[in-house]
C-alpha cells in the first residue's frame, strides 16, 4: 500500500516525459534503479532475509525513481498555473473509457492466472509460472517501448481532431 503513491507519481512523471518525447530519461533512471533492485534483493535473499525485506527494497526503488525524475520535470512545471477543467476531464474520461476497460480486463486476467494456478496446483506452480513469466519481460518491455514511442504522436493527432473544450 505504501508503494501506491510513489508508483502513481512516477507514472505521472513518466507520462510527462513521454509527452515531451524524452523517454530516454525514463530508461536512464530505470536501468540503474532496477539493477540496484535486483542486486540488493539477491543479496538480502542470499543472506536469509524474508519477503518483507524485499518489499522494502521495492518500495525504496519506487521512491528512488521518483526522486531521480522530479528534478528533471519539476523545474519546467508551473504549479501556480495549474487548473482543473472539469468539462475537459469528463470528455477525456468518456473518450478513454475503452482503454480503461481494456487495462482493467488485463489486470484481472493477469491475476486470474495466478489464482487459478494456486487453487489447482499450489504454490510451486505459481512460483514456476512467475519465473517463466520473467523470461518474457524483455519482450514485454520492447513492445511497451514501441507503444510508448507512438503515444505522443497519437495524442497530438487526436487533439487536432478533437480540440479540448475548456470551462
Protein backbone atom coordinates (compact mmCIF):
# COMPACT_ATOMS: atom_id res chain seq x y z
CA UNK A 1 0.00 0.00 0.00
CA UNK A 2 2.88 2.39 0.72
CA UNK A 3 4.14 1.88 -2.82
CA UNK A 4 0.96 3.14 -4.47
CA UNK A 5 1.77 6.84 -4.01
CA UNK A 6 5.35 6.78 -5.37
CA UNK A 7 4.34 4.41 -8.19
CA UNK A 8 1.42 6.65 -9.16
CA UNK A 9 3.51 9.81 -9.07
CA UNK A 10 6.24 8.09 -11.08
CA UNK A 11 3.63 7.10 -13.66
CA UNK A 12 2.54 10.73 -13.92
CA UNK A 13 6.14 11.92 -14.32
CA UNK A 14 6.72 9.19 -16.92
CA UNK A 15 3.64 10.40 -18.82
CA UNK A 16 5.02 13.95 -18.78
CA UNK A 17 8.38 12.74 -20.10
CA UNK A 18 6.57 10.77 -22.81
CA UNK A 19 4.54 13.83 -23.77
CA UNK A 20 7.78 15.81 -24.04
CA UNK A 21 9.23 12.92 -26.10
CA UNK A 22 12.06 12.48 -23.58
CA UNK A 23 11.63 8.75 -23.00
CA UNK A 24 15.39 8.27 -22.74
CA UNK A 25 15.28 9.87 -19.28
CA UNK A 26 12.91 7.11 -18.17
CA UNK A 27 15.37 4.47 -19.34
CA UNK A 28 18.42 6.25 -17.91
CA UNK A 29 16.80 6.28 -14.48
CA UNK A 30 15.03 2.90 -14.61
CA UNK A 31 18.13 0.95 -15.63
CA UNK A 32 20.35 1.68 -12.60
CA UNK A 33 17.40 1.54 -10.20
CA UNK A 34 16.37 -1.89 -11.50
CA UNK A 35 19.95 -3.16 -11.40
CA UNK A 36 20.17 -1.98 -7.78
CA UNK A 37 16.78 -3.61 -7.05
CA UNK A 38 17.98 -6.95 -8.42
CA UNK A 39 21.36 -6.77 -6.70
CA UNK A 40 20.05 -5.75 -3.28
CA UNK A 41 17.22 -8.30 -3.47
CA UNK A 42 19.66 -11.08 -4.36
CA UNK A 43 21.96 -10.07 -1.51
CA UNK A 44 19.12 -9.96 1.01
CA UNK A 45 17.69 -13.31 -0.09
CA UNK A 46 21.10 -14.98 -0.01
CA UNK A 47 21.65 -13.53 3.48
CA UNK A 48 18.43 -15.19 4.65
CA UNK A 49 16.07 -12.20 4.75
CA UNK A 50 12.38 -12.64 4.06
CA UNK A 51 9.80 -11.21 1.69
CA UNK A 52 9.21 -8.12 3.85
CA UNK A 53 12.82 -7.04 3.27
CA UNK A 54 12.34 -7.42 -0.48
CA UNK A 55 9.11 -5.41 -0.29
CA UNK A 56 11.07 -2.62 1.41
CA UNK A 57 13.66 -2.76 -1.36
CA UNK A 58 10.91 -2.40 -3.97
CA UNK A 59 9.37 0.48 -2.03
CA UNK A 60 12.77 2.18 -1.81
CA UNK A 61 13.26 1.73 -5.55
CA UNK A 62 9.88 3.36 -6.25
CA UNK A 63 10.89 6.34 -4.13
CA UNK A 64 14.37 6.47 -5.71
CA UNK A 65 12.87 6.53 -9.21
CA UNK A 66 10.52 9.34 -8.23
CA UNK A 67 13.28 11.35 -6.55
CA UNK A 68 15.56 10.98 -9.59
CA UNK A 69 12.83 12.01 -12.06
CA UNK A 70 11.46 15.01 -10.17
CA UNK A 71 14.47 17.30 -10.75
CA UNK A 72 14.09 16.70 -14.49
CA UNK A 73 10.38 17.56 -14.66
CA UNK A 74 9.50 19.95 -11.83
CA UNK A 75 11.68 22.91 -12.91
CA UNK A 76 9.54 23.08 -16.07
CA UNK A 77 6.16 22.76 -14.35
CA UNK A 78 4.44 25.93 -13.11
CA UNK A 79 2.07 24.79 -10.39
CA UNK A 80 0.56 28.27 -9.94
CA UNK A 81 -0.87 27.97 -13.48
CA UNK A 82 -2.40 24.57 -12.76
CA UNK A 83 -6.16 24.38 -13.00
CA UNK A 84 -8.70 21.62 -13.36
CA UNK A 85 -11.04 21.92 -16.32
CA UNK A 86 -13.89 19.63 -15.35
CA UNK A 87 -15.51 19.50 -18.77
CA UNK A 88 -12.19 18.51 -20.35
CA UNK A 89 -11.72 15.80 -17.69
CA UNK A 90 -15.23 14.46 -18.33
CA UNK A 91 -14.67 14.50 -22.10
CA UNK A 92 -11.28 12.79 -21.73
CA UNK A 93 -12.76 10.12 -19.47
CA UNK A 94 -15.53 9.49 -21.99
CA UNK A 95 -13.05 9.17 -24.87
CA UNK A 96 -10.62 6.92 -22.99
CA UNK A 97 -13.15 4.66 -21.28
CA UNK A 98 -12.37 1.85 -23.73
CA UNK A 99 -8.70 1.92 -22.75
CA UNK A 100 -9.63 1.93 -19.06
CA UNK A 101 -11.81 -1.12 -19.66
CA UNK A 102 -9.04 -2.91 -21.54
CA UNK A 103 -6.48 -2.17 -18.82
CA UNK A 104 -8.92 -3.35 -16.15
CA UNK A 105 -9.55 -6.59 -18.00
CA UNK A 106 -5.81 -7.17 -18.47
CA UNK A 107 -5.22 -6.65 -14.75
CA UNK A 108 -7.97 -9.13 -13.87
CA UNK A 109 -6.68 -11.59 -16.46
CA UNK A 110 -3.16 -11.47 -15.02
CA UNK A 111 -4.46 -12.06 -11.50
CA UNK A 112 -6.78 -14.85 -12.60
CA UNK A 113 -3.90 -16.99 -13.86
CA UNK A 114 -2.14 -16.80 -10.52
CA UNK A 115 -5.29 -17.50 -8.50
CA UNK A 116 -6.27 -20.49 -10.66
CA UNK A 117 -2.75 -21.94 -10.57
CA UNK A 118 -2.65 -21.57 -6.80
CA UNK A 119 -6.04 -23.16 -6.44
CA UNK A 120 -5.46 -26.17 -8.71
CA UNK A 121 -1.71 -26.79 -8.48
CA UNK A 122 -0.36 -25.00 -5.39
CA UNK A 123 2.37 -22.51 -4.56
CA UNK A 124 5.08 -24.34 -6.50
CA UNK A 125 3.19 -23.93 -9.78
CA UNK A 126 2.67 -20.25 -9.05
CA UNK A 127 6.41 -19.83 -8.43
CA UNK A 128 7.32 -21.64 -11.64
CA UNK A 129 4.76 -19.60 -13.59
CA UNK A 130 6.17 -16.35 -12.18
CA UNK A 131 9.73 -17.43 -13.03
CA UNK A 132 8.72 -18.37 -16.58
CA UNK A 133 6.86 -15.10 -16.97
CA UNK A 134 10.03 -13.21 -16.02
CA UNK A 135 11.69 -14.68 -19.11
CA UNK A 136 9.13 -12.79 -21.21
CA UNK A 137 9.83 -9.44 -19.55
CA UNK A 138 12.33 -8.31 -22.23
CA UNK A 139 9.73 -8.97 -24.93
CA UNK A 140 7.08 -7.08 -22.95
CA UNK A 141 9.46 -4.16 -22.35
CA UNK A 142 10.20 -3.99 -26.09
CA UNK A 143 6.52 -3.95 -27.01
CA UNK A 144 5.81 -1.35 -24.31
CA UNK A 145 8.63 0.85 -25.62
CA UNK A 146 7.16 0.73 -29.12
CA UNK A 147 3.70 1.64 -27.79
CA UNK A 148 5.12 4.44 -25.63
CA UNK A 149 7.06 5.90 -28.54
CA UNK A 150 3.83 6.29 -30.54
CA UNK A 151 1.86 7.76 -27.64
CA UNK A 152 2.85 11.45 -28.10
CA UNK A 153 2.21 11.28 -31.83
CA UNK A 154 -1.23 9.75 -31.31
CA UNK A 155 -2.09 12.35 -28.66
CA UNK A 156 -1.16 15.23 -30.95
CA UNK A 157 -3.18 13.70 -33.77
CA UNK A 158 -6.22 13.20 -31.53
CA UNK A 159 -6.02 16.73 -30.14
CA UNK A 160 -6.01 18.15 -33.67
CA UNK A 161 -9.15 16.17 -34.49
CA UNK A 162 -10.98 16.99 -31.27
CA UNK A 163 -9.70 20.14 -29.56
CA UNK A 164 -10.45 20.16 -25.81
CA UNK A 165 -13.44 22.16 -24.62
CA UNK A 166 -12.48 24.30 -21.62
CA UNK A 167 -14.80 25.64 -18.92
